[in-house]
């Protein structure tokens, strides 16, 4: 390789590295910008209704984080992106004009997520809905012991995921019995995402260590 080619190769490597660093810096800046924080990206209350006997696609008018309640549907779930009928999903993010699918004769209430602080009772935090919980606002960052409460059956399993605001998974695990206990350390500016099953009487209990 000639000196000119070596010099050109070094310049290309430097430029590529510089572009990568700039991209990472912009991404970090974007998610740490107060305007992009989840509790600053509230949507607008809306009710999605499908009165037909077949699935229907609709678009989300205003992007942001929403708490969803599946009021009714002919199917088990109100839609591909929506909860089981009668259940809630909290902190669900939708982009503006994102296309979603409603089940036949489905109705879903959408309320902007407020990420309200969760009351601590007897040193325990009780989470009963599927969705995203905002660590550092709804409950403090720190060390917790996690367990399930309620009538747990052999079919029950709850999935828990610690995610960044951009959706990157940091940790993933599950609880599947009333005697299961997990230790977890969580930091602020991230989500604890919970995926509940069919059992509406279950709750995830976080007990500070």
Protein backbone atom coordinates (compact mmCIF):
# COMPACT_ATOMS: atom_id res chain seq x y z
CA UNK A 1 0.00 0.00 0.00
CA UNK A 2 1.41 3.40 -1.02
CA UNK A 3 1.81 6.29 1.43
CA UNK A 4 -1.08 8.16 -0.21
CA UNK A 5 -3.41 5.18 0.14
CA UNK A 6 -2.36 4.69 3.77
CA UNK A 7 -3.01 8.36 4.51
CA UNK A 8 -6.39 8.23 2.79
CA UNK A 9 -7.30 5.05 4.73
CA UNK A 10 -6.37 6.71 8.04
CA UNK A 11 -8.47 9.76 7.18
CA UNK A 12 -11.49 7.58 6.35
CA UNK A 13 -11.12 5.68 9.63
CA UNK A 14 -10.90 8.95 11.54
CA UNK A 15 -13.97 10.39 9.80
CA UNK A 16 -15.95 7.19 10.42
CA UNK A 17 -15.01 7.22 14.11
CA UNK A 18 -15.93 10.91 14.35
CA UNK A 19 -19.36 10.28 12.78
CA UNK A 20 -20.04 7.42 15.21
CA UNK A 21 -19.10 9.58 18.20
CA UNK A 22 -21.27 12.45 16.96
CA UNK A 23 -24.21 10.08 16.47
CA UNK A 24 -23.84 8.65 19.97
CA UNK A 25 -23.56 12.14 21.40
CA UNK A 26 -26.71 13.32 19.63
CA UNK A 27 -28.63 10.26 20.80
CA UNK A 28 -27.49 10.81 24.38
CA UNK A 29 -28.34 14.50 24.18
CA UNK A 30 -31.77 13.75 22.68
CA UNK A 31 -32.84 11.39 25.44
CA UNK A 32 -31.40 13.63 28.17
CA UNK A 33 -33.14 16.70 26.82
CA UNK A 34 -35.91 17.56 29.32
CA UNK A 35 -38.34 18.04 26.42
CA UNK A 36 -37.84 14.40 25.40
CA UNK A 37 -38.34 12.98 28.89
CA UNK A 38 -41.38 10.63 29.01
CA UNK A 39 -43.30 12.78 31.51
CA UNK A 40 -42.99 15.70 29.06
CA UNK A 41 -44.38 13.73 26.11
CA UNK A 42 -48.02 13.40 27.07
CA UNK A 43 -50.49 12.55 24.35
CA UNK A 44 -54.08 13.75 24.03
CA UNK A 45 -57.12 11.93 25.43
CA UNK A 46 -58.96 9.96 22.77
CA UNK A 47 -61.26 6.97 22.36
CA UNK A 48 -60.60 4.53 19.53
CA UNK A 49 -63.71 2.72 18.28
CA UNK A 50 -64.20 0.02 15.69
CA UNK A 51 -67.89 -0.67 15.06
CA UNK A 52 -67.29 -3.20 12.30
CA UNK A 53 -67.21 -7.00 12.48
CA UNK A 54 -63.64 -7.15 11.18
CA UNK A 55 -60.28 -5.73 12.22
CA UNK A 56 -59.74 -2.08 11.42
CA UNK A 57 -56.57 -0.01 11.13
CA UNK A 58 -56.52 3.50 12.59
CA UNK A 59 -53.85 6.15 13.08
CA UNK A 60 -52.79 7.75 16.35
CA UNK A 61 -53.47 11.47 16.04
CA UNK A 62 -51.09 12.77 18.71
CA UNK A 63 -47.87 10.99 19.63
CA UNK A 64 -46.86 10.45 23.24
CA UNK A 65 -47.23 8.15 26.24
CA UNK A 66 -50.69 6.82 27.06
CA UNK A 67 -52.54 4.79 29.67
CA UNK A 68 -54.90 2.46 27.81
CA UNK A 69 -58.12 0.78 28.93
CA UNK A 70 -59.64 -1.90 26.73
CA UNK A 71 -63.37 -1.31 27.23
CA UNK A 72 -64.73 -3.98 24.92
CA UNK A 73 -64.07 -6.14 21.85
CA UNK A 74 -65.29 -9.34 20.26
CA UNK A 75 -61.81 -10.82 20.75
CA UNK A 76 -59.75 -11.49 23.88
CA UNK A 77 -57.66 -8.38 23.23
CA UNK A 78 -58.87 -5.03 21.91
CA UNK A 79 -56.17 -4.99 19.23
CA UNK A 80 -52.62 -5.97 18.40
CA UNK A 81 -51.16 -3.03 20.32
CA UNK A 82 -53.82 -2.96 23.04
CA UNK A 83 -54.65 -4.73 26.31
CA UNK A 84 -56.85 -7.69 27.11
CA UNK A 85 -60.49 -6.57 27.40
CA UNK A 86 -61.11 -5.17 30.88
CA UNK A 87 -57.42 -4.58 31.58
CA UNK A 88 -55.13 -1.55 31.44
CA UNK A 89 -51.71 -0.87 29.99
CA UNK A 90 -49.82 2.13 31.38
CA UNK A 91 -47.07 4.25 29.84
CA UNK A 92 -47.51 2.94 26.29
CA UNK A 93 -45.73 5.07 23.67
CA UNK A 94 -47.17 5.78 20.24
CA UNK A 95 -45.71 7.89 17.46
CA UNK A 96 -47.81 10.50 15.71
CA UNK A 97 -49.71 8.90 12.80
CA UNK A 98 -48.64 5.43 13.94
CA UNK A 99 -50.97 2.84 12.45
CA UNK A 100 -52.56 0.43 14.94
CA UNK A 101 -55.08 -2.39 14.61
CA UNK A 102 -58.39 -2.62 16.49
CA UNK A 103 -60.22 -5.92 16.97
CA UNK A 104 -63.84 -6.23 15.76
CA UNK A 105 -66.27 -4.07 17.78
CA UNK A 106 -63.44 -2.80 19.95
CA UNK A 107 -63.32 0.31 22.10
CA UNK A 108 -60.13 1.61 23.73
CA UNK A 109 -59.83 4.65 25.99
CA UNK A 110 -56.52 6.53 25.74
CA UNK A 111 -55.47 8.92 28.50
CA UNK A 112 -52.12 10.79 28.58
CA UNK A 113 -49.71 9.09 30.99
CA UNK A 114 -48.98 11.19 34.07
CA UNK A 115 -46.52 8.73 35.64
CA UNK A 116 -47.91 9.59 39.07
CA UNK A 117 -45.91 8.64 42.13
CA UNK A 118 -46.94 5.26 43.56
CA UNK A 119 -47.79 5.18 47.25
CA UNK A 120 -45.50 3.02 49.37
CA UNK A 121 -47.42 0.92 51.94
CA UNK A 122 -45.52 -1.07 54.59
CA UNK A 123 -42.30 -0.54 52.65
CA UNK A 124 -43.89 -2.17 49.57
CA UNK A 125 -44.75 -0.86 46.09
CA UNK A 126 -47.65 -2.65 44.42
CA UNK A 127 -47.85 -2.72 40.59
CA UNK A 128 -51.05 -4.14 39.15
CA UNK A 129 -51.10 -3.14 35.47
CA UNK A 130 -49.04 -4.08 32.44
CA UNK A 131 -46.91 -1.35 30.89
CA UNK A 132 -44.03 1.02 31.59
CA UNK A 133 -43.30 2.39 35.06
CA UNK A 134 -40.98 5.39 35.22
CA UNK A 135 -38.14 4.74 37.66
CA UNK A 136 -37.05 7.79 39.58
CA UNK A 137 -40.48 9.41 39.39
CA UNK A 138 -43.09 6.78 40.18
CA UNK A 139 -40.83 5.04 42.65
CA UNK A 140 -37.20 5.63 43.69
CA UNK A 141 -34.15 4.08 42.11
CA UNK A 142 -32.43 1.55 44.34
CA UNK A 143 -32.33 -2.09 45.42
CA UNK A 144 -35.54 -4.11 45.54
CA UNK A 145 -36.83 -7.59 46.19
CA UNK A 146 -39.57 -8.56 43.70
CA UNK A 147 -42.34 -11.09 44.22
CA UNK A 148 -45.90 -11.86 43.13
CA UNK A 149 -49.02 -11.31 45.23
CA UNK A 150 -52.50 -12.70 44.67
CA UNK A 151 -53.89 -16.11 43.83
CA UNK A 152 -51.05 -17.47 41.66
CA UNK A 153 -51.82 -20.51 39.49
CA UNK A 154 -49.42 -22.82 37.67
CA UNK A 155 -50.30 -21.07 34.40
CA UNK A 156 -49.38 -17.60 35.65
CA UNK A 157 -46.16 -15.90 34.60
CA UNK A 158 -45.23 -12.23 34.68
CA UNK A 159 -42.44 -10.87 32.51
CA UNK A 160 -40.36 -7.93 33.75
CA UNK A 161 -37.97 -5.88 31.62
CA UNK A 162 -35.75 -2.95 32.56
CA UNK A 163 -35.49 -0.69 29.52
CA UNK A 164 -33.96 2.59 28.45
CA UNK A 165 -36.28 5.32 27.14
CA UNK A 166 -35.28 4.32 23.62
CA UNK A 167 -36.47 0.74 24.24
CA UNK A 168 -33.11 -0.96 24.72
CA UNK A 169 -33.36 -3.91 27.11
CA UNK A 170 -31.00 -3.74 30.09
CA UNK A 171 -32.37 -6.70 32.07
CA UNK A 172 -35.12 -9.26 31.51
CA UNK A 173 -36.57 -11.88 33.86
CA UNK A 174 -39.87 -13.42 34.99
CA UNK A 175 -41.86 -14.38 38.08
CA UNK A 176 -44.04 -17.47 37.86
CA UNK A 177 -45.00 -18.51 41.38
CA UNK A 178 -45.97 -17.03 44.71
CA UNK A 179 -42.67 -18.14 46.25
CA UNK A 180 -40.42 -16.71 43.52
CA UNK A 181 -38.30 -13.78 44.69
CA UNK A 182 -35.87 -11.72 42.64
CA UNK A 183 -33.31 -9.10 43.59
CA UNK A 184 -33.17 -6.09 41.32
CA UNK A 185 -31.20 -2.84 41.26
CA UNK A 186 -32.76 -0.10 39.15
CA UNK A 187 -31.53 3.38 38.22
CA UNK A 188 -33.53 6.49 37.40
CA UNK A 189 -34.31 7.61 33.87
CA UNK A 190 -35.32 4.12 32.79
CA UNK A 191 -38.49 2.02 32.63
CA UNK A 192 -39.59 -1.11 34.47
CA UNK A 193 -41.82 -2.76 31.88
CA UNK A 194 -44.28 -5.37 33.12
CA UNK A 195 -46.20 -7.87 30.99
CA UNK A 196 -49.04 -9.39 32.99
CA UNK A 197 -50.98 -12.46 31.90
CA UNK A 198 -54.69 -13.26 32.02
CA UNK A 199 -54.93 -13.29 35.82
CA UNK A 200 -56.26 -9.83 36.73
CA UNK A 201 -55.79 -10.44 40.46
CA UNK A 202 -51.99 -10.61 40.31
CA UNK A 203 -49.70 -7.82 41.44
CA UNK A 204 -45.94 -7.35 41.35
CA UNK A 205 -44.56 -6.35 44.74
CA UNK A 206 -41.36 -4.30 45.06
CA UNK A 207 -39.89 -4.23 48.53
CA UNK A 208 -36.97 -1.88 49.18
CA UNK A 209 -33.94 -3.55 50.71
